[in-house]
Amino acid sequence: METIVRIEFGSHLYGTNTEQSDHDFKSVFIPDASDILLQRVKGSLGHKVKRVEFDKNTPEDCDDEAYSLQRYLSLLAEGQTVSIDMLFAPVPIITSPLWEEIKEHKDLLLTKKSAAFVGYCRTQANKYGIKGSRVNSVKNAVELFNRYYGLLGATAKVGEIFVGITNIEIDDHTRIMQQPVNPAGDIGTFFECCNRKVDFNNSLKNAADIFTKIYENYGHRARLAQKNEGIDWKALSHAVRVAQEALELLNTGNVTFPLPNAKHILSIKKGEVPYEEVAEEIENLLPQVEEASIKSILRETPDYEFIDYLVSREYKKKVLT
């Protein structure tokens, strides 16, 4: 196995490490010739060293993960955050001409879709947001389904409320939409609120229960925030970090490390920023990221021919030497 790049990852890359931060490393490798020929190349190899099992992370702990060249380029083509962060790491521990070639041609590999960035930001905004508009949308959904459940009975379906409607925006967070439901391409119709969907064939009772839990979770999270309890500050800091990285990438084609806003991200990670402020920041970043993904200077799709060329060239070279 030939390592073409090795990078110190995580908080030490972002500039948000503390005295207690463990060490994360990411690598890309060319598989051994025998594994290539026998078609047993593993996409990733992981190794974890923990000083005390089941204890909190310490500076002595170490996470080490390596990706095959083919797997890494596949992740990059998908817009996965781990691969993008690796690409822009400023000072690798190990580098190679091949890694420099990949970096030189990053414009062929990065796309404006950045599905992982946008999807992650949307998920976090939904998970941590406490904006009144979002809470009210869920509350309205609960009241709607409970009201019609009372009128139409236990066997009534969601679709009975919206007969003939297949595509409409009800408010900023609620809509009726359609999407394929199986590989054959059959289309289903859904009620969606705050990124949670219920099929038109779901019962009104089930829909009411689903959105009641979401509404109660918003309230529970807000109460915990007031007491500063039960908040995953590390996850919150990741949400803000990823959104800011996405904006820079989509607008400039670059990601800067250490992070320009590392001090702010670390303050969130330590729980030093009020929860409501962080939640609002995530909510405000989401539409910025989505707008940037539409206007981005990046490609629509990656150059898959270039990816295939790199992998086949390097694997062939490995087999023949």
Protein backbone atom coordinates (compact mmCIF):
# COMPACT_ATOMS: atom_id res chain seq x y z
CA MET A 1 0.00 0.00 0.00
CA GLU A 2 1.47 3.33 -1.12
CA THR A 3 0.38 6.48 0.70
CA ILE A 4 0.06 9.48 -1.61
CA VAL A 5 -1.08 11.94 1.07
CA ARG A 6 -1.49 11.97 4.84
CA ILE A 7 -3.20 14.86 6.61
CA GLU A 8 -3.84 15.83 10.21
CA PHE A 9 -7.59 16.28 10.21
CA GLY A 10 -10.37 17.50 12.49
CA SER A 11 -9.91 20.28 15.02
CA HIS A 12 -6.16 20.49 14.41
CA LEU A 13 -6.89 21.27 10.73
CA TYR A 14 -9.73 23.68 11.51
CA GLY A 15 -7.80 25.56 14.18
CA THR A 16 -10.39 24.70 16.85
CA ASN A 17 -8.33 22.23 18.86
CA THR A 18 -8.03 22.47 22.63
CA GLU A 19 -5.69 20.81 25.10
CA GLN A 20 -8.08 17.85 25.26
CA SER A 21 -8.47 17.38 21.50
CA ASP A 22 -7.47 13.98 20.13
CA HIS A 23 -5.66 13.56 16.82
CA ASP A 24 -7.39 12.59 13.57
CA PHE A 25 -5.51 11.60 10.44
CA LYS A 26 -6.79 11.01 6.90
CA SER A 27 -4.83 9.41 4.07
CA VAL A 28 -5.22 8.37 0.44
CA PHE A 29 -3.42 5.28 -0.83
CA ILE A 30 -2.68 3.28 -3.97
CA PRO A 31 -3.59 -0.36 -3.22
CA ASP A 32 -1.11 -3.18 -3.56
CA ALA A 33 -0.92 -4.77 -7.03
CA SER A 34 -2.25 -8.11 -5.76
CA ASP A 35 -5.37 -6.47 -4.29
CA ILE A 36 -6.00 -4.63 -7.55
CA LEU A 37 -5.65 -7.80 -9.64
CA LEU A 38 -7.76 -9.89 -7.29
CA GLN A 39 -10.42 -7.15 -7.05
CA ARG A 40 -10.28 -7.01 -3.28
CA VAL A 41 -9.35 -3.35 -2.83
CA LYS A 42 -11.02 -1.92 0.26
CA GLY A 43 -12.48 1.55 -0.11
CA SER A 44 -11.31 2.60 3.31
CA LEU A 45 -9.15 1.31 6.14
CA GLY A 46 -9.59 2.52 9.69
CA HIS A 47 -7.46 2.36 12.79
CA LYS A 48 -8.35 3.77 16.18
CA VAL A 49 -6.06 4.01 19.20
CA LYS A 50 -7.75 4.94 22.47
CA ARG A 51 -5.79 5.31 25.69
CA VAL A 52 -8.76 4.46 27.95
CA GLU A 53 -11.68 2.53 26.45
CA PHE A 54 -15.15 4.15 26.93
CA ASP A 55 -13.52 7.29 28.37
CA LYS A 56 -13.66 10.77 26.86
CA ASN A 57 -11.19 11.64 24.12
CA THR A 58 -7.72 12.71 25.22
CA PRO A 59 -4.70 14.14 23.38
CA GLU A 60 -3.20 10.61 23.39
CA ASP A 61 -6.12 9.17 21.40
CA CYS A 62 -5.77 8.79 17.64
CA ASP A 63 -8.20 8.13 14.76
CA ASP A 64 -6.55 7.13 11.50
CA GLU A 65 -8.54 6.51 8.30
CA ALA A 66 -7.21 5.86 4.80
CA TYR A 67 -9.13 5.87 1.49
CA SER A 68 -8.16 4.13 -1.72
CA LEU A 69 -7.59 6.53 -4.60
CA GLN A 70 -10.78 5.39 -6.32
CA ARG A 71 -12.86 5.78 -3.16
CA TYR A 72 -11.41 9.21 -2.38
CA LEU A 73 -12.11 10.58 -5.85
CA SER A 74 -15.62 9.13 -5.66
CA LEU A 75 -16.23 10.98 -2.37
CA LEU A 76 -14.89 14.16 -3.93
CA ALA A 77 -17.22 13.79 -6.92
CA GLU A 78 -20.14 13.41 -4.49
CA GLY A 79 -19.14 16.61 -2.68
CA GLN A 80 -18.55 14.84 0.63
CA THR A 81 -17.15 17.24 3.25
CA VAL A 82 -14.35 14.95 4.43
CA SER A 83 -12.84 14.74 0.95
CA ILE A 84 -13.15 18.48 0.35
CA ASP A 85 -11.49 19.31 3.66
CA MET A 86 -8.63 16.97 2.77
CA LEU A 87 -8.20 18.61 -0.63
CA PHE A 88 -7.66 22.05 0.90
CA ALA A 89 -5.45 21.02 3.84
CA PRO A 90 -2.50 23.46 3.55
CA VAL A 91 0.44 21.38 4.83
CA PRO A 92 0.08 17.59 4.48
CA ILE A 93 2.32 15.38 6.61
CA ILE A 94 3.00 13.30 3.49
CA THR A 95 2.43 14.45 -0.08
CA SER A 96 3.30 13.29 -3.59
CA PRO A 97 3.28 14.42 -7.23
CA LEU A 98 -0.04 12.59 -7.68
CA TRP A 99 -1.65 14.51 -4.82
CA GLU A 100 -0.38 17.78 -6.27
CA GLU A 101 -1.85 16.77 -9.63
CA ILE A 102 -5.23 16.15 -8.01
CA LYS A 103 -5.08 19.58 -6.35
CA GLU A 104 -4.05 21.22 -9.62
CA HIS A 105 -7.14 19.80 -11.32
CA LYS A 106 -9.59 20.41 -8.49
CA ASP A 107 -11.72 22.51 -10.84
CA LEU A 108 -12.58 19.26 -12.67
CA LEU A 109 -13.65 17.56 -9.45
CA LEU A 110 -15.57 20.13 -7.41
CA THR A 111 -19.17 20.91 -8.35
CA LYS A 112 -21.79 23.46 -7.39
CA LYS A 113 -24.10 20.67 -6.28
CA SER A 114 -22.07 20.04 -3.13
CA ALA A 115 -24.94 17.80 -2.05
CA ALA A 116 -23.33 16.80 1.21
CA PHE A 117 -22.70 20.40 2.26
CA VAL A 118 -26.19 21.61 1.48
CA GLY A 119 -27.89 18.48 2.84
CA TYR A 120 -25.91 18.61 6.08
CA CYS A 121 -26.70 22.30 6.59
CA ARG A 122 -30.40 21.70 5.96
CA THR A 123 -30.47 18.79 8.40
CA GLN A 124 -28.76 20.79 11.12
CA ALA A 125 -31.00 23.80 10.60
CA ASN A 126 -34.02 21.53 10.98
CA LYS A 127 -32.53 19.78 13.99
CA TYR A 128 -31.41 22.83 15.94
CA GLY A 129 -33.62 25.63 14.64
CA ILE A 130 -36.04 27.23 17.06
CA LYS A 131 -37.19 30.14 14.90
CA GLY A 132 -40.83 30.97 15.46
CA SER A 133 -41.75 30.41 11.81
CA ARG A 134 -40.52 26.82 11.90
CA VAL A 135 -42.18 26.04 15.22
CA ASN A 136 -45.44 27.59 14.01
CA SER A 137 -45.37 25.54 10.82
CA VAL A 138 -45.11 22.31 12.79
CA LYS A 139 -47.79 23.50 15.22
CA ASN A 140 -50.13 24.26 12.30
CA ALA A 141 -49.48 20.78 10.86
CA VAL A 142 -50.37 19.16 14.19
CA GLU A 143 -53.59 21.18 14.48
CA LEU A 144 -54.52 20.41 10.86
CA PHE A 145 -54.16 16.64 11.19
CA ASN A 146 -55.83 16.51 14.59
CA ARG A 147 -58.77 18.56 13.34
CA TYR A 148 -59.41 16.36 10.30
CA TYR A 149 -58.77 13.21 12.33
CA GLY A 150 -61.64 14.31 14.54
CA LEU A 151 -63.85 15.02 11.53
CA LEU A 152 -63.01 12.06 9.27
CA GLY A 153 -62.15 9.31 11.74
CA ALA A 154 -59.32 6.85 12.42
CA THR A 155 -59.16 5.31 8.94
CA ALA A 156 -58.88 8.62 7.04
CA LYS A 157 -55.71 9.28 5.04
CA VAL A 158 -53.59 12.40 4.63
CA GLY A 159 -54.51 12.59 0.95
CA GLU A 160 -58.19 13.07 1.80
CA ILE A 161 -57.40 16.60 3.02
CA PHE A 162 -55.65 17.61 -0.21
CA VAL A 163 -57.71 15.96 -2.94
CA GLY A 164 -56.37 16.86 -6.38
CA ILE A 165 -53.37 18.78 -5.02
CA THR A 166 -49.93 17.48 -6.01
CA ASN A 167 -47.61 20.48 -5.81
CA ILE A 168 -48.12 23.57 -3.67
CA GLU A 169 -46.22 25.62 -1.11
CA ILE A 170 -48.30 26.20 1.99
CA ASP A 171 -45.74 28.32 3.87
CA ASP A 172 -41.95 28.74 4.09
CA HIS A 173 -41.54 25.29 5.67
CA THR A 174 -44.58 23.36 4.42
CA ARG A 175 -45.55 22.04 1.00
CA ILE A 176 -47.25 19.32 -0.95
CA MET A 177 -44.74 17.61 -3.24
CA GLN A 178 -44.16 14.54 -5.37
CA GLN A 179 -41.15 12.27 -5.77
CA PRO A 180 -40.29 8.76 -7.03
CA VAL A 181 -40.98 6.06 -4.44
CA ASN A 182 -39.25 3.07 -6.06
CA PRO A 183 -36.65 2.18 -8.72
CA ALA A 184 -39.41 1.77 -11.29
CA GLY A 185 -40.10 5.51 -11.06
CA ASP A 186 -43.59 5.36 -9.56
CA ILE A 187 -44.50 8.76 -8.12
CA GLY A 188 -45.82 9.32 -4.62
CA THR A 189 -47.41 12.47 -3.17
CA PHE A 190 -46.30 13.76 0.22
CA PHE A 191 -47.05 16.38 2.84
CA GLU A 192 -43.72 17.88 3.92
CA CYS A 193 -43.13 20.17 6.89
CA CYS A 194 -39.68 21.20 8.17
CA ASN A 195 -38.09 18.54 5.95
CA ARG A 196 -40.20 15.71 7.42
CA LYS A 197 -42.45 13.96 4.89
CA VAL A 198 -45.60 11.88 5.35
CA ASP A 199 -47.07 9.94 2.43
CA PHE A 200 -50.61 10.73 1.33
CA ASN A 201 -51.45 7.12 2.18
CA ASN A 202 -50.49 7.64 5.84
CA SER A 203 -53.34 7.88 8.29
CA LEU A 204 -54.22 11.28 9.76
CA LYS A 205 -53.60 9.83 13.22
CA ASN A 206 -50.08 8.73 12.30
CA ALA A 207 -49.31 12.11 10.69
CA ALA A 208 -50.57 13.94 13.77
CA ASP A 209 -48.39 11.77 16.02
CA ILE A 210 -45.28 12.37 13.89
CA PHE A 211 -45.56 16.15 13.89
CA THR A 212 -46.62 16.26 17.54
CA LYS A 213 -43.31 14.63 18.46
CA ILE A 214 -41.41 17.15 16.32
CA TYR A 215 -43.29 20.04 17.94
CA GLU A 216 -42.67 18.71 21.43
CA ASN A 217 -38.99 18.22 20.60
CA TYR A 218 -38.70 21.88 19.58
CA GLY A 219 -40.23 22.90 22.88
CA HIS A 220 -38.02 20.52 24.85
CA ARG A 221 -34.91 21.81 23.09
CA ALA A 222 -35.86 25.41 23.79
CA ARG A 223 -36.38 24.62 27.49
CA LEU A 224 -33.01 22.86 27.66
CA ALA A 225 -31.41 25.85 26.00
CA GLN A 226 -32.74 28.16 28.68
CA LYS A 227 -31.14 25.94 31.33
CA ASN A 228 -28.04 25.36 29.19
CA GLU A 229 -28.57 21.59 29.50
CA GLY A 230 -28.48 18.70 27.08
CA ILE A 231 -27.05 20.67 24.15
CA ASP A 232 -24.57 19.04 21.79
CA TRP A 233 -22.30 22.05 21.40
CA LYS A 234 -19.82 20.12 19.26
CA ALA A 235 -22.55 19.26 16.76
CA LEU A 236 -23.69 22.88 16.73
CA SER A 237 -20.15 24.06 16.04
CA HIS A 238 -19.88 21.57 13.16
CA ALA A 239 -23.13 22.89 11.66
CA VAL A 240 -21.85 26.48 11.61
CA ARG A 241 -18.42 25.39 10.40
CA VAL A 242 -19.77 23.34 7.50
CA ALA A 243 -22.14 26.12 6.42
CA GLN A 244 -19.32 28.68 6.41
CA GLU A 245 -17.04 26.29 4.50
CA ALA A 246 -19.82 25.69 1.98
CA LEU A 247 -20.27 29.42 1.37
CA GLU A 248 -16.56 29.94 0.76
CA LEU A 249 -16.32 26.91 -1.53
CA LEU A 250 -19.40 27.75 -3.57
CA ASN A 251 -18.49 31.43 -3.92
CA THR A 252 -14.73 31.17 -4.48
CA GLY A 253 -13.86 27.55 -5.25
CA ASN A 254 -11.63 27.49 -2.19
CA VAL A 255 -11.74 26.55 1.51
CA THR A 256 -9.29 28.22 3.90
CA PHE A 257 -7.58 26.34 6.74
CA PRO A 258 -7.17 27.06 9.55
CA LEU A 259 -10.70 28.44 9.46
CA PRO A 260 -10.90 32.25 9.38
CA ASN A 261 -13.71 32.03 11.97
CA ALA A 262 -11.98 29.37 14.08
CA LYS A 263 -12.28 31.47 17.26
CA HIS A 264 -16.05 31.76 16.84
CA ILE A 265 -16.45 28.05 16.06
CA LEU A 266 -14.40 27.17 19.15
CA SER A 267 -16.56 29.47 21.30
CA ILE A 268 -19.65 27.59 20.13
CA LYS A 269 -17.93 24.25 20.74
CA LYS A 270 -17.20 25.34 24.33
CA GLY A 271 -20.81 26.44 24.91
CA GLU A 272 -19.82 30.08 25.30
CA VAL A 273 -22.36 31.41 22.76
CA PRO A 274 -26.06 31.45 23.77
CA TYR A 275 -27.96 28.61 22.17
CA GLU A 276 -30.59 30.91 20.65
CA GLU A 277 -27.86 32.88 18.86
CA VAL A 278 -26.28 29.75 17.41
CA ALA A 279 -29.64 28.32 16.33
CA GLU A 280 -30.51 31.57 14.60
CA GLU A 281 -27.09 31.67 12.92
CA ILE A 282 -27.67 28.18 11.50
CA GLU A 283 -31.14 29.17 10.31
CA ASN A 284 -29.75 32.27 8.57
CA LEU A 285 -26.85 30.42 6.96
CA LEU A 286 -29.05 27.80 5.29
CA PRO A 287 -30.69 30.05 2.67
CA GLN A 288 -27.30 31.65 1.97
CA VAL A 289 -25.80 28.24 1.24
CA GLU A 290 -28.73 27.21 -0.94
CA GLU A 291 -28.56 30.47 -2.91
CA ALA A 292 -24.78 30.13 -3.30
CA SER A 293 -25.20 26.58 -4.62
CA ILE A 294 -27.41 27.95 -7.41
CA LYS A 295 -25.12 30.86 -8.34
CA SER A 296 -21.82 29.09 -7.77
CA ILE A 297 -18.89 29.39 -10.17
CA LEU A 298 -18.22 25.65 -9.82
CA ARG A 299 -19.05 22.95 -12.39
CA GLU A 300 -22.46 21.33 -12.68
CA THR A 301 -20.97 17.81 -12.65
CA PRO A 302 -17.49 16.41 -12.02
CA ASP A 303 -15.30 15.21 -14.87
CA TYR A 304 -15.78 11.46 -14.48
CA GLU A 305 -13.51 10.76 -17.46
CA PHE A 306 -10.65 12.48 -15.64
CA ILE A 307 -11.38 10.48 -12.48
CA ASP A 308 -11.38 7.20 -14.43
CA TYR A 309 -8.18 8.22 -16.19
CA LEU A 310 -6.35 8.93 -12.92
CA VAL A 311 -7.46 5.72 -11.25
CA SER A 312 -6.76 3.47 -14.25
CA ARG A 313 -3.38 5.11 -14.89
CA GLU A 314 -2.19 4.76 -11.30
CA TYR A 315 -3.55 1.26 -10.78
CA LYS A 316 -2.07 0.07 -14.06
CA LYS A 317 1.29 1.58 -13.09
CA LYS A 318 1.13 -0.22 -9.74
CA VAL A 319 0.39 -3.58 -11.36
CA LEU A 320 3.11 -3.31 -13.98
CA THR A 321 5.95 -2.22 -11.69
